[in-house]
Amino acid sequence: IKSLTRFKILVDELRLRGKTTEDMSMVDYNIMHYANQISDGKILIIDEDKIRAESINNVLQESFQETTILSDPTQNINFTNAAKYDLLIIDMHFAGDGLRLCSEFRNSNEESRYTSVLLLIDESDNTNILHKAFDIGLSDYIMVPICNNELVARVNLQIKKKRYQNALRSHLKNNAKMSIRDSLTGCYNRRYFEMYFQN
């Protein structure tokens, strides 16, 4: 419920900014369209259980163009490349400690902060560990055995959230750029030079 609430707040904020841009006759970057296009989402499945990983992969390939499986716990994970994905699905027991992997990924680089992480949790696992998991950056979780409909719904939500966050950051960046440059010449304006000399 909290995840859905945060997502709704994010969407409302983006829609408000898009409407403001339209009302002010600024350039329309079509950010809402970008945020709603999730079929090209990139998903990395990190799970030692190859059969389960293949099953997840088969379900998600019906909706997404690019899904990748990593099942070898001895293989070094390139966190820079992993951060280029929209979503990481990590088995809680991968390489003995999926939470440690999640923590290392979150702290690896700036881009990793914006990649959603979905944790696979067995019914036999102690769910009290979820408090720690969310503290280290978990986005959501799903119980095993997996319901395919629930899996698709949660994956859709996380990728949409990532796209909306990307669009909102892009919108803020563009607005900041427009505030310090002349719209006709593209040259820095007085506000920029005042900020420059103050700093």
Protein backbone atom coordinates (compact mmCIF):
# COMPACT_ATOMS: atom_id res chain seq x y z
CA ILE A 1 0.00 0.00 0.00
CA LYS A 2 2.83 2.40 0.88
CA SER A 3 4.51 1.66 -2.44
CA LEU A 4 1.31 2.39 -4.36
CA THR A 5 0.78 5.61 -2.38
CA ARG A 6 4.31 6.84 -3.14
CA PHE A 7 3.81 5.96 -6.79
CA LYS A 8 0.53 7.93 -6.97
CA ILE A 9 2.21 10.97 -5.39
CA LEU A 10 5.01 10.73 -7.96
CA VAL A 11 2.56 10.44 -10.88
CA ASP A 12 0.46 13.37 -9.61
CA GLU A 13 3.58 15.53 -9.29
CA LEU A 14 4.70 14.67 -12.82
CA ARG A 15 1.26 15.37 -14.28
CA LEU A 16 1.13 18.72 -12.48
CA ARG A 17 4.53 19.71 -13.85
CA GLY A 18 3.53 18.60 -17.33
CA LYS A 19 0.33 20.65 -17.16
CA THR A 20 2.27 23.70 -15.92
CA THR A 21 4.69 23.35 -18.82
CA GLU A 22 1.80 23.14 -21.28
CA ASP A 23 0.03 26.16 -19.74
CA MET A 24 3.20 28.24 -20.01
CA SER A 25 3.61 27.24 -23.69
CA MET A 26 7.01 25.71 -23.02
CA VAL A 27 8.49 22.86 -25.02
CA ASP A 28 6.51 19.65 -24.52
CA TYR A 29 8.92 16.81 -23.83
CA ASN A 30 6.07 14.29 -23.77
CA ILE A 31 7.30 12.94 -20.48
CA MET A 32 4.02 11.24 -19.63
CA HIS A 33 4.18 9.21 -22.86
CA TYR A 34 7.76 8.15 -22.08
CA ALA A 35 6.85 7.16 -18.53
CA ASN A 36 3.97 4.98 -19.69
CA GLN A 37 6.03 3.09 -22.28
CA ILE A 38 7.37 0.13 -20.30
CA SER A 39 7.50 -2.68 -22.87
CA ASP A 40 11.15 -1.83 -23.56
CA GLY A 41 11.97 -2.14 -19.86
CA LYS A 42 15.22 -3.96 -19.07
CA ILE A 43 15.03 -6.62 -16.34
CA LEU A 44 17.86 -8.59 -14.72
CA ILE A 45 16.87 -11.80 -12.90
CA ILE A 46 19.45 -12.87 -10.30
CA ASP A 47 18.51 -16.32 -9.00
CA GLU A 48 20.51 -19.52 -8.40
CA ASP A 49 17.40 -21.62 -9.04
CA LYS A 50 17.70 -21.92 -12.81
CA ILE A 51 14.28 -23.51 -13.27
CA ARG A 52 12.56 -20.72 -11.33
CA ALA A 53 14.64 -18.07 -13.10
CA GLU A 54 13.62 -19.49 -16.49
CA SER A 55 9.99 -19.59 -15.40
CA ILE A 56 10.11 -15.92 -14.34
CA ASN A 57 11.90 -15.05 -17.56
CA ASN A 58 9.27 -16.78 -19.71
CA VAL A 59 6.43 -14.94 -17.96
CA LEU A 60 8.08 -11.54 -18.27
CA GLN A 61 9.13 -12.00 -21.90
CA GLU A 62 5.45 -11.86 -22.84
CA SER A 63 5.40 -8.20 -21.75
CA PHE A 64 9.01 -7.02 -21.94
CA GLN A 65 11.54 -7.04 -24.74
CA GLU A 66 14.74 -7.49 -22.74
CA THR A 67 15.14 -9.88 -19.81
CA THR A 68 18.45 -11.37 -18.66
CA ILE A 69 19.20 -14.22 -16.25
CA LEU A 70 22.22 -14.47 -13.94
CA SER A 71 22.28 -17.79 -12.06
CA ASP A 72 25.97 -18.34 -11.28
CA PRO A 73 26.77 -17.09 -7.74
CA THR A 74 30.51 -17.30 -8.47
CA GLN A 75 30.21 -14.83 -11.34
CA ASN A 76 31.21 -11.28 -10.50
CA ILE A 77 28.34 -8.86 -11.04
CA ASN A 78 29.20 -5.65 -12.86
CA PHE A 79 27.18 -3.14 -10.83
CA THR A 80 27.73 -0.40 -13.41
CA ASN A 81 26.05 -2.54 -16.07
CA ALA A 82 23.40 -3.69 -13.61
CA ALA A 83 22.44 -0.07 -12.94
CA LYS A 84 21.45 0.27 -16.60
CA TYR A 85 18.51 -2.07 -15.98
CA ASP A 86 15.09 -0.76 -14.97
CA LEU A 87 14.56 -3.58 -12.49
CA LEU A 88 16.62 -6.20 -10.66
CA ILE A 89 14.83 -9.30 -9.38
CA ILE A 90 17.06 -10.84 -6.68
CA ASP A 91 16.66 -14.12 -4.84
CA MET A 92 17.01 -13.52 -1.11
CA HIS A 93 19.38 -16.49 -0.86
CA PHE A 94 21.54 -15.74 -3.90
CA ALA A 95 25.19 -16.48 -3.06
CA GLY A 96 24.05 -17.09 0.52
CA ASP A 97 22.85 -13.53 1.13
CA GLY A 98 20.73 -11.66 -1.41
CA LEU A 99 20.34 -8.73 0.99
CA ARG A 100 24.09 -8.18 1.02
CA LEU A 101 24.06 -8.14 -2.78
CA CYS A 102 21.23 -5.61 -2.73
CA SER A 103 23.16 -3.40 -0.29
CA GLU A 104 26.37 -3.59 -2.34
CA PHE A 105 24.45 -2.70 -5.49
CA ARG A 106 22.76 0.31 -3.88
CA ASN A 107 26.13 1.65 -2.67
CA SER A 108 28.06 0.90 -5.87
CA ASN A 109 27.34 4.05 -7.91
CA GLU A 110 24.98 6.98 -8.35
CA GLU A 111 22.79 5.36 -11.01
CA SER A 112 22.11 2.28 -8.87
CA ARG A 113 20.06 4.43 -6.50
CA TYR A 114 17.37 4.77 -9.16
CA THR A 115 17.11 1.13 -10.24
CA SER A 116 14.19 -0.75 -8.69
CA VAL A 117 14.93 -3.97 -6.77
CA LEU A 118 12.37 -6.75 -6.29
CA LEU A 119 13.27 -9.44 -3.73
CA LEU A 120 12.17 -13.09 -3.99
CA ILE A 121 11.24 -14.41 -0.53
CA ASP A 122 10.36 -18.02 0.34
CA GLU A 123 7.31 -18.69 2.49
CA SER A 124 9.63 -20.29 5.06
CA ASP A 125 11.76 -17.14 5.39
CA ASN A 126 11.49 -14.87 8.40
CA THR A 127 9.52 -11.89 7.09
CA ASN A 128 10.92 -9.75 9.93
CA ILE A 129 13.99 -9.38 7.71
CA LEU A 130 11.90 -7.18 5.40
CA HIS A 131 12.39 -4.20 7.72
CA LYS A 132 16.14 -4.42 7.15
CA ALA A 133 15.60 -5.06 3.44
CA PHE A 134 13.63 -1.84 2.94
CA ASP A 135 16.23 0.08 4.95
CA ILE A 136 18.99 -0.95 2.54
CA GLY A 137 16.99 0.02 -0.53
CA LEU A 138 14.54 -2.75 -1.43
CA SER A 139 11.72 -1.46 -3.66
CA ASP A 140 9.30 -4.37 -3.27
CA TYR A 141 9.15 -8.12 -2.68
CA ILE A 142 7.18 -11.14 -3.84
CA MET A 143 6.58 -14.44 -2.07
CA VAL A 144 7.66 -17.80 -3.51
CA PRO A 145 5.93 -19.84 -4.94
CA ILE A 146 5.17 -17.01 -7.34
CA CYS A 147 1.76 -16.08 -8.69
CA ASN A 148 2.38 -15.06 -12.31
CA ASN A 149 -0.29 -12.35 -12.30
CA GLU A 150 1.13 -10.84 -9.12
CA LEU A 151 4.64 -10.99 -10.56
CA VAL A 152 3.63 -9.08 -13.70
CA ALA A 153 1.67 -6.52 -11.67
CA ARG A 154 4.57 -5.82 -9.30
CA VAL A 155 7.11 -5.66 -12.13
CA ASN A 156 4.89 -3.27 -14.11
CA LEU A 157 4.53 -1.02 -11.07
CA GLN A 158 8.27 -0.88 -10.36
CA ILE A 159 9.25 -0.16 -13.97
CA LYS A 160 6.57 2.51 -14.29
CA LYS A 161 7.82 4.09 -11.07
CA LYS A 162 11.39 4.09 -12.39
CA ARG A 163 10.27 5.68 -15.67
CA TYR A 164 8.26 8.37 -13.87
CA GLN A 165 11.25 9.14 -11.63
CA ASN A 166 13.50 9.43 -14.69
CA ALA A 167 10.98 11.69 -16.41
CA LEU A 168 10.61 13.89 -13.33
CA ARG A 169 14.39 14.29 -12.97
CA SER A 170 14.66 15.12 -16.67
CA HIS A 171 11.85 17.65 -16.37
CA LEU A 172 13.50 19.32 -13.37
CA LYS A 173 16.85 19.42 -15.17
CA ASN A 174 15.30 21.01 -18.26
CA ASN A 175 13.46 23.59 -16.17
CA ALA A 176 16.66 24.46 -14.31
CA LYS A 177 18.48 24.89 -17.62
CA MET A 178 15.71 27.11 -18.98
CA SER A 179 15.86 29.32 -15.89
CA ILE A 180 19.50 30.32 -16.51
CA ARG A 181 19.57 30.54 -20.32
CA ASP A 182 17.99 32.95 -22.76
CA SER A 183 15.35 31.07 -24.76
CA LEU A 184 16.20 32.89 -28.01
CA THR A 185 20.01 32.88 -28.03
CA GLY A 186 20.75 30.01 -25.68
CA CYS A 187 23.25 32.23 -23.84
CA TYR A 188 23.45 32.37 -20.06
CA ASN A 189 21.24 35.08 -18.57
CA ARG A 190 21.65 37.48 -15.66
CA ARG A 191 20.40 34.95 -13.12
CA TYR A 192 23.22 32.57 -14.04
CA PHE A 193 25.92 35.22 -13.64
CA GLU A 194 24.50 36.32 -10.30
CA MET A 195 24.62 32.72 -9.08
CA TYR A 196 28.11 32.24 -10.55
CA PHE A 197 29.63 35.28 -8.83
CA GLN A 198 27.89 34.53 -5.53
CA ASN A 199 29.51 31.10 -5.48
